[in-house]
N, C-alpha and C. Protein backbone atom coordinates (compact mmCIF):
# COMPACT_ATOMS: atom_id res chain seq x y z
N MET A 1 40.60 8.46 14.91
CA MET A 1 40.26 8.94 13.61
C MET A 1 39.74 10.48 13.95
N SER A 2 40.28 11.11 13.13
CA SER A 2 40.08 12.94 13.37
C SER A 2 39.34 13.13 12.19
N ILE A 3 37.90 13.41 12.13
CA ILE A 3 37.61 14.42 11.37
C ILE A 3 37.91 15.34 11.14
N ARG A 4 38.14 16.00 11.90
CA ARG A 4 38.90 17.54 11.56
C ARG A 4 39.95 17.49 11.05
N SER A 5 41.06 16.55 11.21
CA SER A 5 42.19 16.41 9.96
C SER A 5 41.82 15.47 9.10
N GLY A 6 40.89 14.51 8.86
CA GLY A 6 40.32 14.19 7.76
C GLY A 6 39.86 14.99 6.59
N ILE A 7 39.23 16.18 7.14
CA ILE A 7 38.28 17.28 6.02
C ILE A 7 39.65 18.16 5.65
N LEU A 8 40.50 18.04 6.33
CA LEU A 8 41.82 18.94 5.60
C LEU A 8 42.50 18.35 4.86
N ALA A 9 42.99 17.06 5.45
CA ALA A 9 43.16 16.02 3.91
C ALA A 9 42.81 15.91 2.70
N VAL A 10 41.43 15.86 2.80
CA VAL A 10 40.39 16.42 1.09
C VAL A 10 40.88 17.47 0.87
N LEU A 11 40.56 18.34 1.64
CA LEU A 11 40.92 19.82 0.94
C LEU A 11 42.01 20.24 0.57
N THR A 12 43.00 19.28 0.97
CA THR A 12 44.25 19.60 0.03
C THR A 12 44.00 18.71 -1.30
N ALA A 13 43.27 18.25 -1.72
CA ALA A 13 42.98 18.10 -3.25
C ALA A 13 42.31 18.95 -3.80
N THR A 14 41.25 19.27 -3.35
CA THR A 14 40.11 20.26 -3.85
C THR A 14 39.95 20.95 -2.87
N ASP A 15 38.68 22.05 -3.32
CA ASP A 15 37.83 22.85 -2.61
C ASP A 15 36.61 21.85 -2.50
N ALA A 16 35.80 22.02 -1.66
CA ALA A 16 34.42 21.10 -1.75
C ALA A 16 33.31 21.54 -0.55
N TYR A 17 32.22 20.97 -0.86
CA TYR A 17 30.95 21.43 -0.14
C TYR A 17 31.03 20.59 1.17
N GLY A 18 30.27 20.61 2.06
CA GLY A 18 30.21 19.73 3.41
C GLY A 18 29.76 18.32 3.17
N LEU A 19 28.41 17.95 2.19
CA LEU A 19 28.10 16.87 1.86
C LEU A 19 29.08 16.30 1.18
N GLN A 20 29.93 16.98 0.06
CA GLN A 20 31.00 16.24 -0.60
C GLN A 20 32.04 15.75 0.49
N LEU A 21 32.52 16.34 1.02
CA LEU A 21 33.47 15.86 2.08
C LEU A 21 32.93 15.01 2.72
N HIS A 22 31.66 14.57 3.39
CA HIS A 22 31.13 13.50 4.06
C HIS A 22 31.43 12.10 3.35
N GLY A 23 31.05 12.58 1.84
CA GLY A 23 30.99 11.19 1.07
C GLY A 23 32.37 10.98 1.04
N GLU A 24 33.59 11.96 0.58
CA GLU A 24 34.73 11.70 0.27
C GLU A 24 35.33 10.84 1.59
N LEU A 25 35.15 11.11 2.66
CA LEU A 25 35.64 10.45 3.60
C LEU A 25 34.95 9.10 3.91
N GLU A 26 33.79 9.04 4.05
CA GLU A 26 33.21 7.74 4.15
C GLU A 26 33.90 6.72 3.01
N GLU A 27 33.75 7.14 1.80
CA GLU A 27 34.37 6.12 0.71
C GLU A 27 35.55 6.05 0.80
N ARG A 28 36.72 6.95 1.06
CA ARG A 28 37.79 6.80 0.90
C ARG A 28 38.50 6.12 2.29
N THR A 29 37.56 5.91 3.17
CA THR A 29 37.97 5.04 4.27
C THR A 29 37.21 4.00 4.47
N GLU A 30 36.63 3.55 3.41
CA GLU A 30 35.72 2.52 3.54
C GLU A 30 34.78 2.38 4.48
N ARG A 31 34.63 3.84 5.13
CA ARG A 31 32.92 3.89 6.42
C ARG A 31 34.07 3.10 7.41
N VAL A 32 35.17 3.64 7.69
CA VAL A 32 35.69 3.21 9.15
C VAL A 32 35.29 4.19 10.07
N GLY A 33 34.60 3.79 11.01
CA GLY A 33 33.55 4.69 11.82
C GLY A 33 32.94 5.68 11.14
N ARG A 34 31.72 4.99 11.15
CA ARG A 34 30.77 6.30 10.28
C ARG A 34 30.68 7.99 10.71
N VAL A 35 30.61 8.79 9.84
CA VAL A 35 30.90 10.19 9.97
C VAL A 35 29.36 10.45 9.88
N ASN A 36 29.23 11.42 10.78
CA ASN A 36 27.50 11.82 11.00
C ASN A 36 27.59 13.40 10.11
N VAL A 37 26.88 13.15 9.14
CA VAL A 37 26.78 14.78 8.47
C VAL A 37 26.84 15.92 9.27
N GLY A 38 26.28 15.88 10.11
CA GLY A 38 26.38 17.53 11.30
C GLY A 38 27.43 17.30 11.50
N GLN A 39 28.40 16.42 11.92
CA GLN A 39 29.56 16.56 12.66
C GLN A 39 30.41 17.38 11.60
N ILE A 40 30.57 16.95 10.05
CA ILE A 40 31.02 17.57 9.31
C ILE A 40 30.80 19.15 9.18
N TYR A 41 29.40 19.46 9.36
CA TYR A 41 29.46 21.12 9.30
C TYR A 41 29.86 21.71 10.58
N SER A 42 29.72 21.29 11.67
CA SER A 42 29.90 21.48 12.82
C SER A 42 31.52 21.57 12.97
N THR A 43 32.43 20.51 12.40
CA THR A 43 33.61 20.94 11.93
C THR A 43 33.93 21.95 11.39
N LEU A 44 33.48 22.01 10.12
CA LEU A 44 34.12 22.88 9.21
C LEU A 44 33.81 24.27 10.10
N ASP A 45 32.55 24.67 10.79
CA ASP A 45 32.55 26.07 11.26
C ASP A 45 33.61 26.14 12.10
N ARG A 46 34.24 25.10 13.14
CA ARG A 46 35.17 25.39 13.97
C ARG A 46 36.24 25.58 12.96
N LEU A 47 36.59 24.81 12.19
CA LEU A 47 37.85 25.15 11.31
C LEU A 47 38.06 26.61 10.54
N VAL A 48 36.89 27.25 10.30
CA VAL A 48 36.67 28.40 9.61
C VAL A 48 37.01 29.44 11.22
N THR A 49 36.52 29.20 11.84
CA THR A 49 37.03 30.11 13.26
C THR A 49 38.57 30.00 13.76
N ALA A 50 38.71 28.96 13.62
CA ALA A 50 40.29 28.46 13.64
C ALA A 50 41.26 29.10 12.64
N GLY A 51 40.67 29.44 11.60
CA GLY A 51 41.47 30.29 10.54
C GLY A 51 42.00 28.96 9.38
N LEU A 52 41.85 28.08 9.57
CA LEU A 52 42.46 26.73 8.72
C LEU A 52 41.40 26.50 7.82
N VAL A 53 40.28 27.29 7.49
CA VAL A 53 39.57 26.48 6.28
C VAL A 53 38.98 28.19 6.04
N ARG A 54 38.49 28.30 4.76
CA ARG A 54 37.95 29.87 4.56
C ARG A 54 36.85 29.35 3.40
N ALA A 55 35.86 30.19 3.36
CA ALA A 55 34.68 29.95 1.99
C ALA A 55 35.77 30.61 0.89
N SER A 56 35.31 29.65 -0.14
CA SER A 56 36.10 29.92 -1.18
C SER A 56 35.18 29.83 -2.67
N GLY A 57 33.77 30.44 -2.38
CA GLY A 57 32.72 30.31 -3.40
C GLY A 57 31.42 29.43 -3.45
N ALA A 58 31.25 29.15 -4.26
CA ALA A 58 29.75 28.42 -4.47
C ALA A 58 30.17 27.62 -5.70
N THR A 59 29.11 26.42 -5.51
CA THR A 59 29.06 25.23 -6.45
C THR A 59 28.09 26.12 -8.12
N ASP A 60 27.90 25.74 -8.62
CA ASP A 60 27.28 26.28 -10.17
C ASP A 60 25.53 26.11 -8.92
N ASP A 61 25.16 25.01 -8.09
CA ASP A 61 23.77 25.30 -7.85
C ASP A 61 24.06 25.89 -6.45
N GLY A 62 24.95 26.60 -6.17
CA GLY A 62 24.61 27.72 -4.89
C GLY A 62 25.27 26.86 -3.46
N LEU A 63 25.98 25.43 -3.70
CA LEU A 63 26.49 24.93 -2.21
C LEU A 63 27.65 25.79 -2.18
N PRO A 64 27.91 26.06 -0.80
CA PRO A 64 29.12 26.74 -0.32
C PRO A 64 30.16 25.73 -0.42
N LEU A 65 31.48 26.26 -0.95
CA LEU A 65 32.92 25.78 -0.83
C LEU A 65 33.47 26.02 0.43
N TYR A 66 34.44 25.28 0.48
CA TYR A 66 35.33 25.36 1.21
C TYR A 66 37.28 25.15 0.75
N GLY A 67 37.92 25.67 1.27
CA GLY A 67 39.02 25.75 1.07
C GLY A 67 39.81 26.18 2.16
N LEU A 68 41.12 25.36 2.05
CA LEU A 68 42.38 25.28 3.21
C LEU A 68 43.12 26.90 2.96
N THR A 69 43.05 27.70 4.20
CA THR A 69 44.31 28.66 4.40
C THR A 69 45.69 28.05 4.26
N ASP A 70 46.74 29.06 4.27
CA ASP A 70 47.97 28.54 4.45
C ASP A 70 48.05 27.55 5.81
N GLU A 71 47.68 27.98 6.96
CA GLU A 71 47.75 27.44 7.99
C GLU A 71 47.36 26.10 8.07
N GLY A 72 46.09 26.04 7.29
CA GLY A 72 45.25 24.78 7.26
C GLY A 72 45.90 23.76 6.36
N SER A 73 46.47 24.07 5.26
CA SER A 73 47.46 23.15 4.30
C SER A 73 48.87 22.92 5.11
N ALA A 74 49.24 23.77 6.42
CA ALA A 74 50.46 23.32 6.84
C ALA A 74 49.77 22.47 8.06
N ALA A 75 48.78 22.44 8.59
CA ALA A 75 48.20 21.40 9.59
C ALA A 75 48.01 20.31 9.10
N ALA A 76 47.56 20.32 7.70
CA ALA A 76 47.02 19.00 6.87
C ALA A 76 48.34 18.07 6.80
N GLU A 77 49.48 18.71 6.41
CA GLU A 77 50.44 18.19 6.23
C GLU A 77 51.17 17.73 6.95
N ALA A 78 50.94 18.15 8.27
CA ALA A 78 51.49 17.78 9.51
C ALA A 78 50.66 16.65 9.92
N TRP A 79 49.37 16.53 9.88
CA TRP A 79 48.80 15.20 10.55
C TRP A 79 49.33 14.05 9.52
N LEU A 80 49.13 14.44 7.58
CA LEU A 80 49.75 13.54 7.32
C LEU A 80 51.08 12.79 7.22
N ALA A 81 51.82 13.80 7.59
CA ALA A 81 53.50 13.18 7.91
C ALA A 81 53.22 12.41 9.37
N ASP A 82 52.71 12.66 10.34
CA ASP A 82 52.53 12.29 11.72
C ASP A 82 52.02 10.56 11.91
N ALA A 83 53.06 9.68 11.96
CA ALA A 83 52.53 8.29 12.50
C ALA A 83 52.57 7.76 13.73
N SER A 84 51.92 8.86 14.67
CA SER A 84 51.92 8.48 16.01
C SER A 84 50.57 7.15 16.05
N ILE A 85 50.82 6.35 16.84
CA ILE A 85 49.62 5.24 17.50
C ILE A 85 49.81 5.17 18.98
N ASP A 86 49.79 6.56 19.56
CA ASP A 86 49.59 6.70 20.72
C ASP A 86 47.95 6.92 21.04
N GLY A 87 46.79 7.11 20.63
CA GLY A 87 45.96 7.53 20.81
C GLY A 87 44.99 6.41 21.39
N ALA A 88 43.64 6.28 21.24
CA ALA A 88 42.45 5.51 21.86
C ALA A 88 42.66 4.59 21.24
N ASP A 89 42.53 4.55 19.53
CA ASP A 89 42.39 3.65 18.85
C ASP A 89 43.70 3.70 17.71
N PRO A 90 45.11 2.93 18.13
CA PRO A 90 45.91 3.41 16.93
C PRO A 90 45.41 2.25 15.82
N TRP A 91 44.65 1.22 15.64
CA TRP A 91 44.59 0.65 14.58
C TRP A 91 43.89 1.40 13.69
N GLY A 92 42.45 1.82 14.54
CA GLY A 92 41.67 3.08 13.73
C GLY A 92 42.20 4.08 13.19
N ASP A 93 43.02 4.51 13.82
CA ASP A 93 43.77 5.98 13.39
C ASP A 93 44.87 5.77 12.18
N THR A 94 45.50 4.37 12.52
CA THR A 94 46.28 4.29 11.58
C THR A 94 45.63 3.87 10.22
N THR A 95 44.79 3.08 10.17
CA THR A 95 43.69 2.59 8.74
C THR A 95 43.06 3.83 8.16
N PHE A 96 42.44 4.93 9.02
CA PHE A 96 41.57 5.73 8.68
C PHE A 96 42.91 6.58 7.66
N LYS A 97 43.89 7.08 8.59
CA LYS A 97 44.76 8.03 7.90
C LYS A 97 45.62 7.27 6.69
N VAL A 98 45.91 6.10 6.70
CA VAL A 98 46.51 5.64 5.83
C VAL A 98 45.46 5.36 4.66
N LEU A 99 44.61 5.09 4.62
CA LEU A 99 43.34 5.07 3.80
C LEU A 99 43.14 6.13 2.89
N LEU A 100 42.98 7.01 3.71
CA LEU A 100 42.64 8.35 3.20
C LEU A 100 44.20 9.20 2.29
N ALA A 101 45.41 9.01 2.66
CA ALA A 101 46.26 9.68 2.14
C ALA A 101 46.37 8.91 0.84
N THR A 102 46.50 7.21 0.79
CA THR A 102 46.75 6.63 -0.51
C THR A 102 45.52 6.80 -1.33
N SER A 103 44.27 6.91 -0.89
CA SER A 103 43.17 7.21 -1.98
C SER A 103 42.97 8.61 -2.52
N LEU A 104 43.78 9.61 -1.55
CA LEU A 104 44.10 10.56 -2.56
C LEU A 104 45.13 10.97 -3.51
N GLY A 105 46.17 9.91 -3.18
CA GLY A 105 47.55 10.13 -4.18
C GLY A 105 48.17 11.13 -3.29
N HIS A 106 48.36 11.05 -1.91
CA HIS A 106 49.42 12.10 -1.10
C HIS A 106 50.79 11.67 -1.68
N PRO A 107 51.30 13.03 -2.03
CA PRO A 107 52.91 12.41 -2.62
C PRO A 107 53.62 11.59 -1.43
N ALA A 108 53.11 11.90 -0.13
CA ALA A 108 54.12 11.73 1.04
C ALA A 108 53.38 10.49 1.46
N VAL A 109 52.91 9.51 0.73
CA VAL A 109 52.30 8.29 1.11
C VAL A 109 53.62 7.31 1.75
N PRO A 110 54.46 6.98 0.70
CA PRO A 110 55.72 6.16 0.92
C PRO A 110 56.38 6.31 2.27
N GLU A 111 56.71 7.71 2.45
CA GLU A 111 57.17 8.12 3.94
C GLU A 111 56.19 7.73 4.67
N LEU A 112 54.82 7.74 4.73
CA LEU A 112 53.98 7.48 5.89
C LEU A 112 53.87 6.17 6.12
N LEU A 113 53.84 5.29 5.29
CA LEU A 113 54.16 4.07 5.28
C LEU A 113 55.17 3.55 5.86
N GLU A 114 56.66 4.17 5.67
CA GLU A 114 57.60 3.68 6.11
C GLU A 114 57.71 4.17 8.29
N ARG A 115 57.31 5.29 7.98
CA ARG A 115 57.05 5.70 9.30
C ARG A 115 55.81 4.75 10.46
N TYR A 116 54.69 4.67 9.51
CA TYR A 116 54.03 3.57 10.77
C TYR A 116 54.47 2.39 10.55
N ARG A 117 55.29 1.70 9.53
CA ARG A 117 56.08 0.35 9.66
C ARG A 117 57.22 0.52 10.89
N ALA A 118 57.95 1.50 11.14
CA ALA A 118 58.89 1.61 12.05
C ALA A 118 58.02 2.20 13.58
N VAL A 119 56.87 2.58 13.38
CA VAL A 119 56.67 2.68 15.03
C VAL A 119 55.68 1.01 15.15
N TRP A 120 55.11 0.36 14.61
CA TRP A 120 54.28 -0.65 14.76
C TRP A 120 55.27 -1.85 14.76
N ARG A 121 56.69 -1.55 14.28
CA ARG A 121 57.71 -2.66 14.78
C ARG A 121 58.18 -2.36 16.01
N ARG A 122 58.39 -1.18 16.31
CA ARG A 122 58.81 -1.06 17.54
C ARG A 122 57.60 -1.25 18.88
N GLU A 123 56.58 -0.98 18.23
CA GLU A 123 55.33 -1.68 19.32
C GLU A 123 55.78 -3.16 19.31
N ALA A 124 55.79 -3.59 18.25
CA ALA A 124 55.78 -5.34 18.61
C ALA A 124 57.01 -5.82 19.10
N SER A 125 57.87 -4.78 19.05
CA SER A 125 59.31 -5.32 19.91
C SER A 125 59.29 -4.88 21.65
N ASP A 126 58.36 -3.93 21.54
CA ASP A 126 58.01 -3.49 23.29
C ASP A 126 57.30 -4.57 23.90
N ALA A 127 56.60 -5.33 22.80
CA ALA A 127 55.17 -6.12 23.13
C ALA A 127 55.89 -7.63 23.69
N ALA A 128 56.95 -7.65 23.04
CA ALA A 128 57.28 -8.87 22.78
C ALA A 128 57.89 -9.31 24.41
N GLU A 129 58.45 -8.21 24.63
CA GLU A 129 59.64 -8.09 26.12
C GLU A 129 58.16 -9.00 27.59
N GLY A 130 57.09 -8.41 27.16
CA GLY A 130 56.01 -8.57 28.16
C GLY A 130 55.36 -10.04 27.92
N ARG A 131 54.75 -10.57 29.04
CA ARG A 131 54.19 -11.86 29.03
C ARG A 131 52.45 -11.76 29.78
N SER A 132 52.04 -10.37 29.20
CA SER A 132 50.48 -10.25 30.04
C SER A 132 49.51 -10.61 29.01
N PRO A 133 48.47 -10.86 28.98
CA PRO A 133 47.45 -10.66 27.76
C PRO A 133 47.23 -9.39 26.91
N GLY A 134 47.39 -8.15 27.56
CA GLY A 134 47.84 -7.31 26.97
C GLY A 134 49.01 -6.99 26.10
N ASP A 135 50.19 -7.67 26.60
CA ASP A 135 51.11 -7.57 25.89
C ASP A 135 51.07 -8.39 24.32
N LEU A 136 50.29 -9.61 24.89
CA LEU A 136 50.09 -10.60 23.48
C LEU A 136 49.39 -9.91 22.46
N ALA A 137 48.31 -9.16 23.14
CA ALA A 137 47.56 -8.42 22.30
C ALA A 137 47.90 -7.32 21.37
N ARG A 138 48.57 -6.80 22.23
CA ARG A 138 49.84 -5.48 21.49
C ARG A 138 50.31 -5.98 20.44
N ARG A 139 51.12 -7.05 20.75
CA ARG A 139 52.20 -7.71 19.79
C ARG A 139 51.41 -8.54 18.51
N ARG A 140 50.06 -9.18 18.65
CA ARG A 140 49.26 -9.30 17.44
C ARG A 140 48.97 -8.28 16.62
N LEU A 141 47.88 -7.21 17.26
CA LEU A 141 47.89 -5.91 16.76
C LEU A 141 49.37 -5.34 15.95
N ALA A 142 50.43 -5.20 16.36
CA ALA A 142 51.12 -4.56 15.28
C ALA A 142 51.61 -5.60 14.60
N THR A 143 51.52 -7.16 14.73
CA THR A 143 52.22 -7.86 13.75
C THR A 143 50.82 -7.97 12.64
N ALA A 144 49.82 -7.51 13.15
CA ALA A 144 48.74 -7.33 12.16
C ALA A 144 48.83 -6.08 10.75
N ALA A 145 49.32 -5.20 11.68
CA ALA A 145 49.36 -3.53 11.08
C ALA A 145 50.64 -4.16 10.11
N LEU A 146 51.59 -4.59 10.77
CA LEU A 146 53.02 -4.49 9.56
C LEU A 146 52.40 -5.57 8.36
N ASP A 147 51.91 -6.17 8.65
CA ASP A 147 51.27 -7.57 7.46
C ASP A 147 50.56 -6.59 6.24
N TRP A 148 49.22 -5.82 6.91
CA TRP A 148 48.50 -4.84 6.11
C TRP A 148 49.79 -3.71 5.60
N LEU A 149 50.39 -3.27 6.14
CA LEU A 149 51.27 -2.31 5.19
C LEU A 149 52.29 -3.15 4.17
N ASP A 150 52.36 -4.19 4.34
CA ASP A 150 53.04 -4.98 3.80
C ASP A 150 52.28 -5.04 2.34
N ASP A 151 51.41 -5.41 2.71
CA ASP A 151 50.41 -6.02 1.65
C ASP A 151 49.90 -4.72 0.80
N LEU A 152 49.75 -3.51 1.51
CA LEU A 152 49.19 -2.71 0.48
C LEU A 152 50.70 -2.66 -0.39
N GLU A 153 51.84 -2.24 -0.23
CA GLU A 153 52.79 -1.93 -1.00
C GLU A 153 52.97 -3.54 -1.78
N ALA A 154 52.46 -4.54 -1.53
CA ALA A 154 52.54 -5.59 -2.85
C ALA A 154 51.66 -5.74 -3.80
N LEU A 155 50.72 -4.57 -3.30
CA LEU A 155 49.61 -4.95 -4.50
C LEU A 155 50.27 -4.13 -5.79
N PRO A 156 49.40 -4.72 -6.92
CA PRO A 156 50.21 -4.40 -8.04
C PRO A 156 50.17 -3.00 -8.39
N GLY A 157 51.10 -2.29 -8.55
CA GLY A 157 50.73 -0.74 -8.59
C GLY A 157 51.34 0.21 -7.44
N GLY A 158 51.53 -0.63 -6.34
CA GLY A 158 51.66 -0.44 -4.78
C GLY A 158 50.74 0.35 -4.75
N PRO A 159 50.60 1.53 -3.50
CA PRO A 159 49.53 2.23 -3.15
C PRO A 159 48.96 3.13 -4.13
N ALA A 160 49.83 3.20 -5.26
CA ALA A 160 49.34 4.24 -5.84
C ALA A 160 47.94 3.70 -6.90
N ALA A 161 47.66 2.32 -6.77
CA ALA A 161 46.40 1.81 -7.09
C ALA A 161 45.40 1.81 -6.59
N LEU A 162 45.52 2.40 -5.24
CA LEU A 162 44.18 2.77 -4.43
C LEU A 162 43.74 4.26 -4.57
N VAL A 163 44.64 4.95 -5.53
CA VAL A 163 43.94 6.54 -5.50
C VAL A 163 42.34 6.40 -6.17
N ILE A 164 41.53 6.99 -5.41
CA ILE A 164 40.11 7.20 -6.12
C ILE A 164 40.18 8.75 -6.74
N PRO A 165 39.34 8.89 -7.84
CA PRO A 165 39.04 10.36 -8.16
C PRO A 165 38.23 11.12 -7.25
N LEU A 166 38.01 11.96 -7.42
CA LEU A 166 37.27 12.88 -6.47
C LEU A 166 36.00 13.13 -7.49
N ARG A 167 34.85 13.14 -6.53
CA ARG A 167 33.37 13.11 -6.85
C ARG A 167 33.11 14.54 -6.89
N ASN A 168 32.18 14.14 -8.12
CA ASN A 168 31.25 16.02 -8.26
C ASN A 168 30.27 15.65 -8.31
N GLU A 169 29.66 14.45 -8.04
CA GLU A 169 28.16 14.24 -8.22
C GLU A 169 27.50 15.38 -7.15
N ARG A 170 26.41 15.70 -7.43
CA ARG A 170 25.64 16.71 -6.28
C ARG A 170 24.63 16.15 -5.65
N PRO A 171 24.61 16.44 -4.32
CA PRO A 171 23.77 15.73 -3.60
C PRO A 171 21.91 16.17 -3.91
N ARG A 172 21.24 15.19 -3.80
CA ARG A 172 19.76 14.85 -3.62
C ARG A 172 19.49 16.57 -2.68
N ARG A 173 18.72 16.94 -3.02
CA ARG A 173 18.19 18.33 -2.13
C ARG A 173 16.78 17.52 -1.47
N GLY A 174 16.51 16.25 -1.18
CA GLY A 174 15.50 16.13 -0.36
C GLY A 174 14.64 15.78 -1.18
N ARG A 175 13.38 15.03 -0.65
CA ARG A 175 12.36 14.76 -1.57
C ARG A 175 11.32 15.73 -1.89
N ARG A 176 10.70 15.27 -2.93
CA ARG A 176 9.69 16.66 -3.63
C ARG A 176 8.27 16.26 -2.49
N PRO A 177 7.71 17.05 -2.26
CA PRO A 177 6.39 16.84 -1.48
C PRO A 177 5.19 16.02 -2.37
N ALA A 178 5.33 15.30 -1.42
CA ALA A 178 4.00 14.26 -2.32
C ALA A 178 2.74 15.19 -2.80
N THR A 179 2.14 14.65 -3.84
CA THR A 179 1.03 15.36 -4.12
C THR A 179 -0.23 15.15 -3.58
N ALA A 180 -1.05 16.45 -2.95
CA ALA A 180 -2.24 16.11 -2.31
C ALA A 180 -3.30 15.31 -2.78
N PRO A 181 -3.72 14.28 -2.51
CA PRO A 181 -4.87 13.46 -3.11
C PRO A 181 -6.08 14.71 -3.12
N GLU A 182 -6.70 14.50 -4.25
CA GLU A 182 -8.08 15.21 -4.56
C GLU A 182 -9.07 14.44 -4.00
C-alpha cells in the first residue's frame, strides 16, 4: 500500500487539503491499512519537494489545497496502470489500488483489472508447479484474487457501481475549550 501513490491518485480527481485526502483514502480503500493523518502531511511535504504536488490555493475557511503538477499527474497515471504484485504485500497492494481506482471512477479501471487478472493467473500457474506449503498458499491467494476480480466485474453495473463521490465536508477544528467553573 503506497500512501504516496494513493495521494497522487486522489489528486487526479480534485485538488484537496490534507485531512480530506486522509478521509478519501480511508473511505475509498475501506480502511485497508489505517492511514495516520500525520503521514498524509509529511508525505504531502515530500511530494511538494519532489515537484509532484503544488499548493493550489485554499478553501473558503483557509485550509491549504494541494494539486498535481504535470509530473505528479504522470506518476499517478503510471501507478494506476501498474499491476505488479512483487511487493511485500501483494494482496494488500492489489486491493488498495483496485478499490481506490474503482471508487474514483478512473477511466483505466477495465485495463487495470485485466492486467491484475493476467498477473494473478501467472502467479497461480507458477505456484501450481510447486508442492511446498508456500506454493499452496500462493496458489490459494492467487485463486482468491482472481475470484475477487471476477466478483467486481459481476456486480450490477460492474466496477462503475463502486464509484464514490468526493466529499466536501470540512473537518472539525477541535474541541472548544471548556468553560471554567465559577
